[in-house]
């Protein structure tokens, strides 16, 4: 799934005025791809490039974890965070579930990289940066896989 995320080209000297709002972001999608924007699911019927002109919360289809794929503790935690972004109406209850799951998930790992990554994700969520927290947890998936693999053992029980 190749998508392009890029800032629009602007010749030198044509930078927008700094108003506290970030620059527009261009997202290229292929026919049939989906993007989740502020809780709405958008599917395009042909190749398209869209420009997001203001601050929005979005997830590309490739970053959306399906319920069937939540087979590990970190993937379950990721799914709950993802729900906060995709279902803003239920974000408060998803946040409560995230806080509960974070405690048990953190206690189940002895690996310092995972523990540090989970703390970073918690700090990001507390700061309202849910998308960045998703990225932090997704970065831990490979470590978790190594831990859960037969030669790596299983997470340490609390």
Protein backbone atom coordinates (compact mmCIF):
# COMPACT_ATOMS: atom_id res chain seq x y z
CA UNK A 1 0.00 0.00 0.00
CA UNK A 2 1.92 3.03 -1.14
CA UNK A 3 0.53 6.39 -0.22
CA UNK A 4 2.15 9.74 -0.40
CA UNK A 5 2.03 12.17 2.46
CA UNK A 6 3.65 15.43 1.60
CA UNK A 7 3.56 19.10 2.23
CA UNK A 8 2.68 21.11 -0.88
CA UNK A 9 5.53 22.64 -2.85
CA UNK A 10 5.91 26.36 -2.35
CA UNK A 11 8.54 28.40 -4.16
CA UNK A 12 10.99 30.28 -2.01
CA UNK A 13 9.46 33.33 -0.43
CA UNK A 14 5.90 32.02 -0.63
CA UNK A 15 5.67 30.47 2.82
CA UNK A 16 2.33 31.07 4.50
CA UNK A 17 2.22 33.50 7.40
CA UNK A 18 2.80 31.86 10.77
CA UNK A 19 -0.57 31.92 12.48
CA UNK A 20 -0.19 28.97 14.80
CA UNK A 21 -1.94 26.70 12.29
CA UNK A 22 0.23 24.09 10.62
CA UNK A 23 0.73 24.04 6.87
CA UNK A 24 -1.66 22.03 4.72
CA UNK A 25 -0.88 18.35 4.21
CA UNK A 26 -1.37 16.49 0.94
CA UNK A 27 -2.40 12.85 1.05
CA UNK A 28 -2.47 10.67 -2.06
CA UNK A 29 -4.74 7.64 -2.06
CA UNK A 30 -5.25 4.87 -4.60
CA UNK A 31 -8.66 3.78 -5.89
CA UNK A 32 -10.59 1.92 -3.21
CA UNK A 33 -8.42 3.08 -0.31
CA UNK A 34 -9.93 4.47 2.86
CA UNK A 35 -8.92 7.24 5.19
CA UNK A 36 -10.49 7.91 8.56
CA UNK A 37 -10.92 11.65 9.18
CA UNK A 38 -12.32 12.94 12.47
CA UNK A 39 -14.28 9.72 12.93
CA UNK A 40 -15.65 9.61 9.37
CA UNK A 41 -14.67 6.82 6.98
CA UNK A 42 -13.91 8.11 3.49
CA UNK A 43 -13.30 5.74 0.57
CA UNK A 44 -12.13 7.07 -2.78
CA UNK A 45 -13.24 5.53 -6.06
CA UNK A 46 -10.18 6.61 -8.04
CA UNK A 47 -6.65 7.78 -7.43
CA UNK A 48 -6.87 11.11 -5.68
CA UNK A 49 -4.72 13.62 -3.87
CA UNK A 50 -6.44 15.56 -1.15
CA UNK A 51 -5.15 18.49 0.80
CA UNK A 52 -6.05 18.83 4.46
CA UNK A 53 -6.18 22.56 5.10
CA UNK A 54 -6.69 22.57 8.84
CA UNK A 55 -5.88 20.46 11.87
CA UNK A 56 -7.72 17.14 11.65
CA UNK A 57 -7.32 13.74 13.18
CA UNK A 58 -6.86 11.07 10.54
CA UNK A 59 -5.67 7.52 10.12
CA UNK A 60 -4.67 5.87 6.89
CA UNK A 61 -6.20 2.50 6.20
CA UNK A 62 -2.84 0.76 6.59
CA UNK A 63 -2.59 1.94 10.20
CA UNK A 64 -6.03 0.74 11.22
CA UNK A 65 -5.90 -2.48 13.19
CA UNK A 66 -8.85 -4.85 12.76
CA UNK A 67 -10.43 -6.47 15.84
CA UNK A 68 -9.29 -9.92 14.64
CA UNK A 69 -5.66 -8.73 14.80
CA UNK A 70 -5.75 -7.77 18.48
CA UNK A 71 -4.06 -10.98 19.63
CA UNK A 72 -1.34 -9.46 21.82
CA UNK A 73 -1.40 -7.03 24.75
CA UNK A 74 0.14 -4.15 22.78
CA UNK A 75 -2.16 -4.66 19.82
CA UNK A 76 -5.15 -4.61 22.18
CA UNK A 77 -3.92 -1.36 23.70
CA UNK A 78 -3.37 0.08 20.21
CA UNK A 79 -6.92 -0.91 19.22
CA UNK A 80 -8.37 0.98 22.19
CA UNK A 81 -6.39 4.10 21.28
CA UNK A 82 -7.45 3.73 17.67
CA UNK A 83 -11.06 3.64 18.85
CA UNK A 84 -10.53 7.01 20.53
CA UNK A 85 -9.66 8.48 17.13
CA UNK A 86 -12.17 6.63 14.97
CA UNK A 87 -15.16 6.99 17.29
CA UNK A 88 -15.02 10.44 18.90
CA UNK A 89 -18.48 9.98 20.45
CA UNK A 90 -17.14 7.13 22.61
CA UNK A 91 -13.64 8.54 23.11
CA UNK A 92 -14.13 9.15 26.84
CA UNK A 93 -15.05 5.53 27.59
CA UNK A 94 -12.22 4.31 25.33
CA UNK A 95 -9.84 6.59 27.26
CA UNK A 96 -10.95 5.03 30.56
CA UNK A 97 -10.39 1.57 29.12
CA UNK A 98 -6.96 2.65 27.84
CA UNK A 99 -5.97 3.87 31.32
CA UNK A 100 -7.03 0.55 32.88
CA UNK A 101 -5.36 -1.58 30.23
CA UNK A 102 -2.16 0.46 30.37
CA UNK A 103 -1.59 -0.49 34.01
CA UNK A 104 -1.94 -4.22 33.40
CA UNK A 105 -0.04 -4.14 30.10
CA UNK A 106 2.87 -2.22 31.63
CA UNK A 107 3.00 -4.68 34.53
CA UNK A 108 3.15 -7.65 32.14
CA UNK A 109 6.43 -6.60 30.50
CA UNK A 110 9.93 -6.55 31.97
CA UNK A 111 11.55 -5.33 28.74
CA UNK A 112 12.83 -1.78 29.39
CA UNK A 113 12.14 -0.61 25.82
CA UNK A 114 8.50 -1.70 26.07
CA UNK A 115 8.06 -0.16 29.53
CA UNK A 116 9.61 3.11 28.37
CA UNK A 117 7.54 3.08 25.16
CA UNK A 118 4.35 2.54 27.13
CA UNK A 119 5.19 5.43 29.44
CA UNK A 120 5.84 7.61 26.41
CA UNK A 121 2.48 6.60 24.93
CA UNK A 122 0.74 7.38 28.22
CA UNK A 123 2.38 10.81 28.33
CA UNK A 124 1.33 11.50 24.74
CA UNK A 125 -2.28 10.52 25.45
CA UNK A 126 -2.29 12.72 28.55
CA UNK A 127 -1.08 15.58 26.35
CA UNK A 128 -3.87 15.03 23.83
CA UNK A 129 -1.55 13.54 21.19
CA UNK A 130 -3.36 10.25 20.56
CA UNK A 131 -2.03 9.82 17.02
CA UNK A 132 1.57 10.09 18.27
CA UNK A 133 0.76 7.59 21.02
CA UNK A 134 -0.46 5.16 18.36
CA UNK A 135 2.84 5.57 16.55
CA UNK A 136 4.77 4.93 19.79
CA UNK A 137 2.86 1.72 20.47
CA UNK A 138 3.10 0.54 16.86
CA UNK A 139 6.89 0.91 17.13
CA UNK A 140 6.82 -1.64 19.98
CA UNK A 141 5.08 -4.37 17.97
CA UNK A 142 8.36 -5.90 16.72
CA UNK A 143 9.81 -6.04 20.24
CA UNK A 144 6.62 -7.63 21.52
CA UNK A 145 6.74 -10.20 18.72
CA UNK A 146 10.30 -11.11 19.68
CA UNK A 147 9.26 -11.49 23.32
CA UNK A 148 6.25 -13.62 22.44
CA UNK A 149 8.07 -15.81 19.93
CA UNK A 150 8.83 -19.36 21.14
CA UNK A 151 12.51 -18.65 21.64
CA UNK A 152 11.82 -15.30 23.34
CA UNK A 153 9.34 -16.55 25.93
CA UNK A 154 6.15 -14.82 26.99
CA UNK A 155 5.61 -11.55 28.83
CA UNK A 156 6.34 -11.74 32.53
CA UNK A 157 3.14 -12.06 34.54
CA UNK A 158 2.40 -9.33 37.04
